Amino acid sequence: HEPIEQEAIDGMVNSILTLICEVYEISRDELIFGNSKSGNRVIALESASYIFSNYYDMSNVDISSRLNKHPSIVSRYIKEVINYDGNHIVDKEKLFLLNKTLHQMKVLNLIK
């Protein structure tokens, strides 16, 4: 039987991915198994990677296994979010969605 810690982590990851799919208007299958490079899919993956790394201290390897991506791609996603420019029209929308996700995570007590 899995330790309770692992079950709690799995539940938290599942809750966050569900929330991200809602905010970014994308299905879980499309998020994890899709191959579209357009639309909200890549932006959602960037946000998920950033959130898991910065708010939950997950390693790129652990994040990559949960998102079905290579660790180097996860690293690129995280760097992309860190480099969002609030003055750039495209990045403004990305930041809006990320902040909406983070706000909902606070409401749901997924982060403090």
N, C-alpha and C. Protein backbone atom coordinates (compact mmCIF):
# COMPACT_ATOMS: atom_id res chain seq x y z
N HIS A 1 0.84 -1.19 0.00
CA HIS A 1 0.00 0.00 0.00
C HIS A 1 0.89 1.25 0.00
N GLU A 2 0.52 2.24 -0.85
CA GLU A 2 1.31 3.47 -0.94
C GLU A 2 1.27 4.23 0.37
N PRO A 3 2.38 4.88 0.72
CA PRO A 3 2.36 5.72 1.91
C PRO A 3 1.33 6.85 1.75
N ILE A 4 0.79 7.29 2.85
CA ILE A 4 -0.24 8.34 2.81
C ILE A 4 0.29 9.61 2.14
N GLU A 5 1.57 9.91 2.32
CA GLU A 5 2.15 11.10 1.70
C GLU A 5 2.00 11.05 0.19
N GLN A 6 2.29 9.90 -0.41
CA GLN A 6 2.19 9.77 -1.86
C GLN A 6 0.74 9.93 -2.32
N GLU A 7 -0.19 9.39 -1.56
CA GLU A 7 -1.61 9.54 -1.90
C GLU A 7 -2.01 11.01 -1.84
N ALA A 8 -1.51 11.73 -0.84
CA ALA A 8 -1.82 13.15 -0.71
C ALA A 8 -1.23 13.95 -1.87
N ILE A 9 0.00 13.62 -2.25
CA ILE A 9 0.64 14.30 -3.38
C ILE A 9 -0.14 14.02 -4.67
N ASP A 10 -0.50 12.76 -4.88
CA ASP A 10 -1.26 12.40 -6.08
C ASP A 10 -2.59 13.14 -6.14
N GLY A 11 -3.26 13.24 -4.98
CA GLY A 11 -4.53 13.96 -4.92
C GLY A 11 -4.36 15.43 -5.23
N MET A 12 -3.29 16.03 -4.70
CA MET A 12 -3.01 17.44 -4.94
C MET A 12 -2.70 17.67 -6.42
N VAL A 13 -1.87 16.82 -7.00
CA VAL A 13 -1.53 16.94 -8.43
C VAL A 13 -2.81 16.83 -9.26
N ASN A 14 -3.65 15.86 -8.93
CA ASN A 14 -4.90 15.66 -9.66
C ASN A 14 -5.80 16.90 -9.56
N SER A 15 -5.91 17.47 -8.35
CA SER A 15 -6.73 18.66 -8.15
C SER A 15 -6.21 19.84 -8.97
N ILE A 16 -4.90 20.02 -8.99
CA ILE A 16 -4.31 21.13 -9.73
C ILE A 16 -4.49 20.94 -11.23
N LEU A 17 -4.28 19.73 -11.72
CA LEU A 17 -4.46 19.48 -13.15
C LEU A 17 -5.92 19.68 -13.56
N THR A 18 -6.85 19.28 -12.70
CA THR A 18 -8.27 19.50 -12.98
C THR A 18 -8.56 21.00 -13.08
N LEU A 19 -8.03 21.77 -12.13
CA LEU A 19 -8.22 23.21 -12.13
C LEU A 19 -7.60 23.85 -13.37
N ILE A 20 -6.39 23.45 -13.72
CA ILE A 20 -5.72 24.00 -14.90
C ILE A 20 -6.55 23.70 -16.16
N CYS A 21 -7.08 22.50 -16.26
CA CYS A 21 -7.90 22.15 -17.42
C CYS A 21 -9.15 23.04 -17.48
N GLU A 22 -9.73 23.36 -16.33
CA GLU A 22 -10.90 24.25 -16.31
C GLU A 22 -10.52 25.66 -16.73
N VAL A 23 -9.47 26.21 -16.13
CA VAL A 23 -9.06 27.58 -16.42
C VAL A 23 -8.65 27.74 -17.88
N TYR A 24 -7.93 26.76 -18.41
CA TYR A 24 -7.40 26.86 -19.77
C TYR A 24 -8.33 26.25 -20.81
N GLU A 25 -9.50 25.76 -20.33
CA GLU A 25 -10.53 25.21 -21.21
C GLU A 25 -9.96 24.14 -22.14
N ILE A 26 -9.42 23.11 -21.52
CA ILE A 26 -8.78 22.02 -22.24
C ILE A 26 -9.08 20.73 -21.49
N SER A 27 -9.21 19.62 -22.21
CA SER A 27 -9.47 18.34 -21.54
C SER A 27 -8.17 17.78 -20.97
N ARG A 28 -8.29 16.92 -19.97
CA ARG A 28 -7.11 16.29 -19.37
C ARG A 28 -6.36 15.48 -20.42
N ASP A 29 -7.08 14.73 -21.25
CA ASP A 29 -6.43 13.94 -22.30
C ASP A 29 -5.64 14.82 -23.25
N GLU A 30 -6.25 15.95 -23.66
CA GLU A 30 -5.55 16.85 -24.57
C GLU A 30 -4.31 17.44 -23.90
N LEU A 31 -4.44 17.80 -22.62
CA LEU A 31 -3.32 18.37 -21.89
C LEU A 31 -2.15 17.39 -21.81
N ILE A 32 -2.43 16.17 -21.40
CA ILE A 32 -1.37 15.19 -21.13
C ILE A 32 -0.91 14.46 -22.38
N PHE A 33 -1.85 14.11 -23.25
CA PHE A 33 -1.51 13.24 -24.39
C PHE A 33 -1.60 13.93 -25.75
N GLY A 34 -2.11 15.17 -25.78
CA GLY A 34 -2.24 15.87 -27.05
C GLY A 34 -0.88 16.24 -27.62
N ASN A 35 -0.88 16.65 -28.88
CA ASN A 35 0.38 17.08 -29.49
C ASN A 35 0.24 18.43 -30.19
N SER A 36 -0.86 19.12 -29.92
CA SER A 36 -1.07 20.44 -30.50
C SER A 36 -0.08 21.43 -29.88
N LYS A 37 0.51 22.25 -30.73
CA LYS A 37 1.44 23.28 -30.25
C LYS A 37 0.73 24.64 -30.20
N SER A 38 -0.54 24.66 -30.61
CA SER A 38 -1.27 25.93 -30.63
C SER A 38 -2.35 25.91 -29.55
N GLY A 39 -3.03 27.04 -29.40
CA GLY A 39 -4.09 27.12 -28.41
C GLY A 39 -3.54 27.19 -27.00
N ASN A 40 -4.36 26.77 -26.05
CA ASN A 40 -3.99 26.91 -24.65
C ASN A 40 -3.18 25.74 -24.11
N ARG A 41 -2.99 24.68 -24.88
CA ARG A 41 -2.35 23.48 -24.37
C ARG A 41 -0.93 23.75 -23.84
N VAL A 42 -0.09 24.36 -24.65
CA VAL A 42 1.30 24.60 -24.23
C VAL A 42 1.34 25.59 -23.07
N ILE A 43 0.48 26.61 -23.11
CA ILE A 43 0.43 27.59 -22.03
C ILE A 43 0.02 26.90 -20.73
N ALA A 44 -0.94 25.99 -20.82
CA ALA A 44 -1.38 25.24 -19.63
C ALA A 44 -0.26 24.37 -19.09
N LEU A 45 0.50 23.73 -19.98
CA LEU A 45 1.64 22.90 -19.56
C LEU A 45 2.72 23.75 -18.90
N GLU A 46 2.94 24.96 -19.45
CA GLU A 46 3.91 25.87 -18.85
C GLU A 46 3.49 26.21 -17.42
N SER A 47 2.22 26.57 -17.26
CA SER A 47 1.71 26.94 -15.94
C SER A 47 1.79 25.78 -14.96
N ALA A 48 1.39 24.59 -15.41
CA ALA A 48 1.44 23.41 -14.54
C ALA A 48 2.88 23.15 -14.09
N SER A 49 3.81 23.20 -15.02
CA SER A 49 5.22 22.96 -14.69
C SER A 49 5.72 23.99 -13.67
N TYR A 50 5.40 25.24 -13.92
CA TYR A 50 5.82 26.33 -13.03
C TYR A 50 5.22 26.16 -11.64
N ILE A 51 3.94 25.87 -11.58
CA ILE A 51 3.26 25.71 -10.28
C ILE A 51 3.84 24.54 -9.50
N PHE A 52 4.00 23.39 -10.16
CA PHE A 52 4.54 22.22 -9.46
C PHE A 52 5.96 22.48 -8.98
N SER A 53 6.75 23.17 -9.78
CA SER A 53 8.14 23.45 -9.42
C SER A 53 8.23 24.48 -8.29
N ASN A 54 7.53 25.60 -8.45
CA ASN A 54 7.71 26.72 -7.53
C ASN A 54 6.86 26.66 -6.28
N TYR A 55 5.71 26.02 -6.35
CA TYR A 55 4.83 25.99 -5.18
C TYR A 55 4.89 24.65 -4.43
N TYR A 56 5.38 23.61 -5.09
CA TYR A 56 5.40 22.29 -4.47
C TYR A 56 6.78 21.64 -4.47
N ASP A 57 7.79 22.37 -4.97
CA ASP A 57 9.17 21.87 -4.95
C ASP A 57 9.34 20.52 -5.64
N MET A 58 8.53 20.25 -6.65
CA MET A 58 8.67 18.99 -7.38
C MET A 58 9.84 19.11 -8.35
N SER A 59 10.54 18.02 -8.54
CA SER A 59 11.66 18.00 -9.49
C SER A 59 11.13 17.96 -10.92
N ASN A 60 11.97 18.38 -11.85
CA ASN A 60 11.58 18.33 -13.27
C ASN A 60 11.27 16.90 -13.70
N VAL A 61 11.98 15.93 -13.14
CA VAL A 61 11.75 14.52 -13.49
C VAL A 61 10.36 14.09 -13.01
N ASP A 62 10.00 14.47 -11.79
CA ASP A 62 8.68 14.12 -11.26
C ASP A 62 7.58 14.82 -12.07
N ILE A 63 7.78 16.10 -12.34
CA ILE A 63 6.80 16.85 -13.14
C ILE A 63 6.68 16.21 -14.52
N SER A 64 7.80 15.86 -15.12
CA SER A 64 7.78 15.30 -16.48
C SER A 64 6.99 13.99 -16.52
N SER A 65 7.10 13.18 -15.48
CA SER A 65 6.36 11.91 -15.48
C SER A 65 4.86 12.16 -15.36
N ARG A 66 4.46 13.20 -14.64
CA ARG A 66 3.04 13.50 -14.45
C ARG A 66 2.44 14.19 -15.67
N LEU A 67 3.26 14.93 -16.42
CA LEU A 67 2.78 15.64 -17.60
C LEU A 67 3.10 14.92 -18.90
N ASN A 68 3.77 13.77 -18.80
CA ASN A 68 4.12 12.98 -19.98
C ASN A 68 5.03 13.76 -20.94
N LYS A 69 6.00 14.45 -20.36
CA LYS A 69 6.96 15.26 -21.12
C LYS A 69 8.37 14.94 -20.67
N HIS A 70 9.35 15.18 -21.53
CA HIS A 70 10.76 15.01 -21.17
C HIS A 70 11.15 16.09 -20.17
N PRO A 71 12.02 15.77 -19.19
CA PRO A 71 12.44 16.78 -18.20
C PRO A 71 13.00 18.06 -18.83
N SER A 72 13.66 17.95 -19.97
CA SER A 72 14.22 19.16 -20.60
C SER A 72 13.09 20.08 -21.10
N ILE A 73 11.97 19.49 -21.51
CA ILE A 73 10.82 20.29 -21.95
C ILE A 73 10.20 20.99 -20.74
N VAL A 74 10.10 20.26 -19.62
CA VAL A 74 9.57 20.85 -18.39
C VAL A 74 10.44 22.04 -17.98
N SER A 75 11.74 21.89 -18.06
CA SER A 75 12.66 22.98 -17.74
C SER A 75 12.39 24.19 -18.64
N ARG A 76 12.18 23.94 -19.91
CA ARG A 76 11.89 25.03 -20.86
C ARG A 76 10.56 25.71 -20.52
N TYR A 77 9.55 24.91 -20.16
CA TYR A 77 8.25 25.47 -19.77
C TYR A 77 8.40 26.41 -18.57
N ILE A 78 9.16 25.98 -17.57
CA ILE A 78 9.34 26.79 -16.35
C ILE A 78 10.06 28.09 -16.69
N LYS A 79 11.12 28.00 -17.50
CA LYS A 79 11.86 29.21 -17.90
C LYS A 79 10.96 30.16 -18.66
N GLU A 80 10.08 29.62 -19.50
CA GLU A 80 9.16 30.44 -20.28
C GLU A 80 8.28 31.27 -19.34
N VAL A 81 7.73 30.65 -18.31
CA VAL A 81 6.86 31.37 -17.37
C VAL A 81 7.65 32.44 -16.61
N ILE A 82 8.85 32.09 -16.16
CA ILE A 82 9.69 33.04 -15.44
C ILE A 82 9.97 34.27 -16.30
N ASN A 83 10.05 34.06 -17.61
CA ASN A 83 10.38 35.16 -18.53
C ASN A 83 9.16 35.86 -19.12
N TYR A 84 7.94 35.52 -18.66
CA TYR A 84 6.77 36.25 -19.14
C TYR A 84 6.98 37.74 -18.91
N ASP A 85 6.60 38.53 -19.89
CA ASP A 85 6.75 39.99 -19.83
C ASP A 85 5.35 40.61 -19.75
N GLY A 86 5.04 41.20 -18.60
CA GLY A 86 3.72 41.80 -18.39
C GLY A 86 3.38 42.92 -19.34
N ASN A 87 4.37 43.44 -20.06
CA ASN A 87 4.13 44.50 -21.03
C ASN A 87 3.86 43.96 -22.43
N HIS A 88 4.08 42.67 -22.62
CA HIS A 88 3.88 42.06 -23.94
C HIS A 88 2.45 41.55 -24.04
N ILE A 89 1.78 41.85 -25.14
CA ILE A 89 0.36 41.54 -25.28
C ILE A 89 0.06 40.05 -25.12
N VAL A 90 0.89 39.18 -25.69
CA VAL A 90 0.66 37.73 -25.58
C VAL A 90 0.91 37.26 -24.16
N ASP A 91 1.99 37.74 -23.56
CA ASP A 91 2.34 37.33 -22.19
C ASP A 91 1.32 37.85 -21.17
N LYS A 92 0.68 39.00 -21.47
CA LYS A 92 -0.35 39.51 -20.56
C LYS A 92 -1.47 38.49 -20.39
N GLU A 93 -1.89 37.89 -21.47
CA GLU A 93 -2.95 36.87 -21.41
C GLU A 93 -2.47 35.64 -20.66
N LYS A 94 -1.22 35.24 -20.90
CA LYS A 94 -0.66 34.09 -20.18
C LYS A 94 -0.60 34.37 -18.68
N LEU A 95 -0.18 35.56 -18.31
CA LEU A 95 -0.11 35.94 -16.90
C LEU A 95 -1.50 36.02 -16.28
N PHE A 96 -2.46 36.51 -17.05
CA PHE A 96 -3.84 36.56 -16.56
C PHE A 96 -4.32 35.16 -16.20
N LEU A 97 -4.11 34.19 -17.09
CA LEU A 97 -4.55 32.81 -16.85
C LEU A 97 -3.78 32.17 -15.69
N LEU A 98 -2.47 32.42 -15.61
CA LEU A 98 -1.67 31.89 -14.50
C LEU A 98 -2.18 32.47 -13.18
N ASN A 99 -2.40 33.77 -13.13
CA ASN A 99 -2.88 34.40 -11.90
C ASN A 99 -4.28 33.94 -11.53
N LYS A 100 -5.11 33.70 -12.53
CA LYS A 100 -6.45 33.16 -12.28
C LYS A 100 -6.34 31.77 -11.65
N THR A 101 -5.43 30.96 -12.18
CA THR A 101 -5.19 29.62 -11.63
C THR A 101 -4.69 29.71 -10.19
N LEU A 102 -3.71 30.56 -9.95
CA LEU A 102 -3.14 30.70 -8.60
C LEU A 102 -4.20 31.20 -7.62
N HIS A 103 -5.05 32.13 -8.06
CA HIS A 103 -6.12 32.62 -7.19
C HIS A 103 -7.07 31.47 -6.82
N GLN A 104 -7.47 30.68 -7.80
CA GLN A 104 -8.36 29.56 -7.54
C GLN A 104 -7.70 28.52 -6.62
N MET A 105 -6.40 28.34 -6.77
CA MET A 105 -5.67 27.42 -5.89
C MET A 105 -5.73 27.91 -4.45
N LYS A 106 -5.62 29.23 -4.24
CA LYS A 106 -5.73 29.80 -2.89
C LYS A 106 -7.13 29.56 -2.33
N VAL A 107 -8.15 29.81 -3.15
CA VAL A 107 -9.53 29.62 -2.72
C VAL A 107 -9.77 28.17 -2.31
N LEU A 108 -9.17 27.24 -3.03
CA LEU A 108 -9.32 25.80 -2.77
C LEU A 108 -8.32 25.28 -1.72
N ASN A 109 -7.54 26.19 -1.15
CA ASN A 109 -6.52 25.82 -0.16
C ASN A 109 -5.48 24.87 -0.70
N LEU A 110 -5.16 25.00 -1.98
CA LEU A 110 -4.08 24.20 -2.57
C LEU A 110 -2.73 24.89 -2.40
N ILE A 111 -2.77 26.22 -2.18
CA ILE A 111 -1.57 26.98 -1.81
C ILE A 111 -1.99 28.01 -0.79
N LYS A 112 -1.01 28.53 -0.05
CA LYS A 112 -1.30 29.56 0.95
C LYS A 112 -1.18 30.94 0.35
